[in-house]
Amino acid sequence: MNKRNLDPQFLATLTVLDSAEAAAYLRTSTSTLAKYRMYGGGPIHIKQSTRKTLYRKADLDAWLSSREAA
């Protein structure tokens, strides 16, 4: 992960996040997101290229909401 600002306040201003930013936003690891992409069950993602995966913040929020306990 390159040295960039993954501060929660900064992440809240973005609408599209890369894997590192999405992992920080979800408070998980990039490898966990990769497993979700591989096996399913994770948030909707956008494959920009073979090495770049993006996530819409709205999709991350929707995925989190769908996982709330009753």
C-alpha atoms as a PDB file:
ATOM      1  CA  MET A   1       0.000   0.000   0.000  1.00  0.00           C
ATOM      2  CA  ASN A   2       1.462   3.321  -0.952  1.00  0.00           C
ATOM      3  CA  LYS A   3       1.720   6.173   1.524  1.00  0.00           C
ATOM      4  CA  ARG A   4      -1.483   8.121   1.163  1.00  0.00           C
ATOM      5  CA  ASN A   5      -4.023   9.618   3.488  1.00  0.00           C
ATOM      6  CA  LEU A   6      -6.446   6.883   4.616  1.00  0.00           C
ATOM      7  CA  ASP A   7      -7.931   9.106   7.302  1.00  0.00           C
ATOM      8  CA  PRO A   8     -11.686   8.393   7.774  1.00  0.00           C
ATOM      9  CA  GLN A   9     -12.563  12.061   7.217  1.00  0.00           C
ATOM     10  CA  PHE A  10     -10.671  12.042   3.914  1.00  0.00           C
ATOM     11  CA  LEU A  11     -12.297   8.766   2.835  1.00  0.00           C
ATOM     12  CA  ALA A  12     -15.742  10.222   3.548  1.00  0.00           C
ATOM     13  CA  THR A  13     -15.161  12.831   0.823  1.00  0.00           C
ATOM     14  CA  LEU A  14     -14.508  10.251  -1.913  1.00  0.00           C
ATOM     15  CA  THR A  15     -17.210   8.621  -4.044  1.00  0.00           C
ATOM     16  CA  VAL A  16     -15.011   5.972  -5.696  1.00  0.00           C
ATOM     17  CA  LEU A  17     -12.350   4.146  -3.704  1.00  0.00           C
ATOM     18  CA  ASP A  18      -9.559   1.789  -4.711  1.00  0.00           C
ATOM     19  CA  SER A  19      -8.991  -1.477  -2.838  1.00  0.00           C
ATOM     20  CA  ALA A  20      -6.760   0.024  -0.138  1.00  0.00           C
ATOM     21  CA  GLU A  21      -9.169   2.895   0.483  1.00  0.00           C
ATOM     22  CA  ALA A  22     -12.180   0.557   0.499  1.00  0.00           C
ATOM     23  CA  ALA A  23     -10.458  -1.772   2.960  1.00  0.00           C
ATOM     24  CA  ALA A  24      -9.678   1.160   5.255  1.00  0.00           C
ATOM     25  CA  TYR A  25     -13.268   2.407   4.954  1.00  0.00           C
ATOM     26  CA  LEU A  26     -14.618  -1.059   5.862  1.00  0.00           C
ATOM     27  CA  ARG A  27     -11.920  -1.531   8.513  1.00  0.00           C
ATOM     28  CA  THR A  28     -10.720  -4.765   6.968  1.00  0.00           C
ATOM     29  CA  SER A  29      -7.705  -5.846   4.943  1.00  0.00           C
ATOM     30  CA  THR A  30      -7.149  -5.730   1.207  1.00  0.00           C
ATOM     31  CA  SER A  31      -6.712  -9.509   1.247  1.00  0.00           C
ATOM     32  CA  THR A  32     -10.185  -9.906   2.769  1.00  0.00           C
ATOM     33  CA  LEU A  33     -11.644  -7.801  -0.042  1.00  0.00           C
ATOM     34  CA  ALA A  34      -9.747  -9.941  -2.556  1.00  0.00           C
ATOM     35  CA  LYS A  35     -11.283 -13.082  -1.012  1.00  0.00           C
ATOM     36  CA  TYR A  36     -14.748 -11.540  -1.264  1.00  0.00           C
ATOM     37  CA  ARG A  37     -14.119 -10.839  -4.957  1.00  0.00           C
ATOM     38  CA  MET A  38     -12.845 -14.360  -5.500  1.00  0.00           C
ATOM     39  CA  TYR A  39     -15.510 -16.302  -3.595  1.00  0.00           C
ATOM     40  CA  GLY A  40     -18.441 -13.875  -3.696  1.00  0.00           C
ATOM     41  CA  GLY A  41     -20.445 -12.317  -0.911  1.00  0.00           C
ATOM     42  CA  GLY A  42     -18.614  -9.006  -0.849  1.00  0.00           C
ATOM     43  CA  PRO A  43     -19.512  -5.534  -2.030  1.00  0.00           C
ATOM     44  CA  ILE A  44     -20.062  -4.756  -5.699  1.00  0.00           C
ATOM     45  CA  HIS A  45     -16.780  -3.848  -7.355  1.00  0.00           C
ATOM     46  CA  ILE A  46     -15.624  -2.364 -10.652  1.00  0.00           C
ATOM     47  CA  LYS A  47     -12.734  -4.015 -12.460  1.00  0.00           C
ATOM     48  CA  GLN A  48     -10.962  -1.068 -14.095  1.00  0.00           C
ATOM     49  CA  SER A  49      -8.042  -3.182 -15.314  1.00  0.00           C
ATOM     50  CA  THR A  50      -6.346  -6.460 -14.464  1.00  0.00           C
ATOM     51  CA  ARG A  51      -4.611  -4.786 -11.517  1.00  0.00           C
ATOM     52  CA  LYS A  52      -7.071  -2.072 -10.473  1.00  0.00           C
ATOM     53  CA  THR A  53     -10.367  -2.684  -8.684  1.00  0.00           C
ATOM     54  CA  LEU A  54     -12.610   0.169  -7.620  1.00  0.00           C
ATOM     55  CA  TYR A  55     -15.560   0.401  -5.254  1.00  0.00           C
ATOM     56  CA  ARG A  56     -18.346   2.971  -5.176  1.00  0.00           C
ATOM     57  CA  LYS A  57     -18.816   4.292  -1.659  1.00  0.00           C
ATOM     58  CA  ALA A  58     -22.591   3.904  -2.036  1.00  0.00           C
ATOM     59  CA  ASP A  59     -22.094   0.186  -2.840  1.00  0.00           C
ATOM     60  CA  LEU A  60     -19.915  -0.252   0.250  1.00  0.00           C
ATOM     61  CA  ASP A  61     -22.550   1.445   2.405  1.00  0.00           C
ATOM     62  CA  ALA A  62     -25.312  -0.719   0.902  1.00  0.00           C
ATOM     63  CA  TRP A  63     -23.273  -3.867   1.506  1.00  0.00           C
ATOM     64  CA  LEU A  64     -22.645  -2.865   5.124  1.00  0.00           C
ATOM     65  CA  SER A  65     -26.361  -2.179   5.623  1.00  0.00           C
ATOM     66  CA  SER A  66     -27.263  -5.594   4.220  1.00  0.00           C
ATOM     67  CA  ARG A  67     -25.018  -7.252   6.802  1.00  0.00           C
ATOM     68  CA  GLU A  68     -26.574  -5.595   9.859  1.00  0.00           C
ATOM     69  CA  ALA A  69     -27.813  -7.984  12.516  1.00  0.00           C
ATOM     70  CA  ALA A  70     -31.537  -7.907  13.204  1.00  0.00           C
END
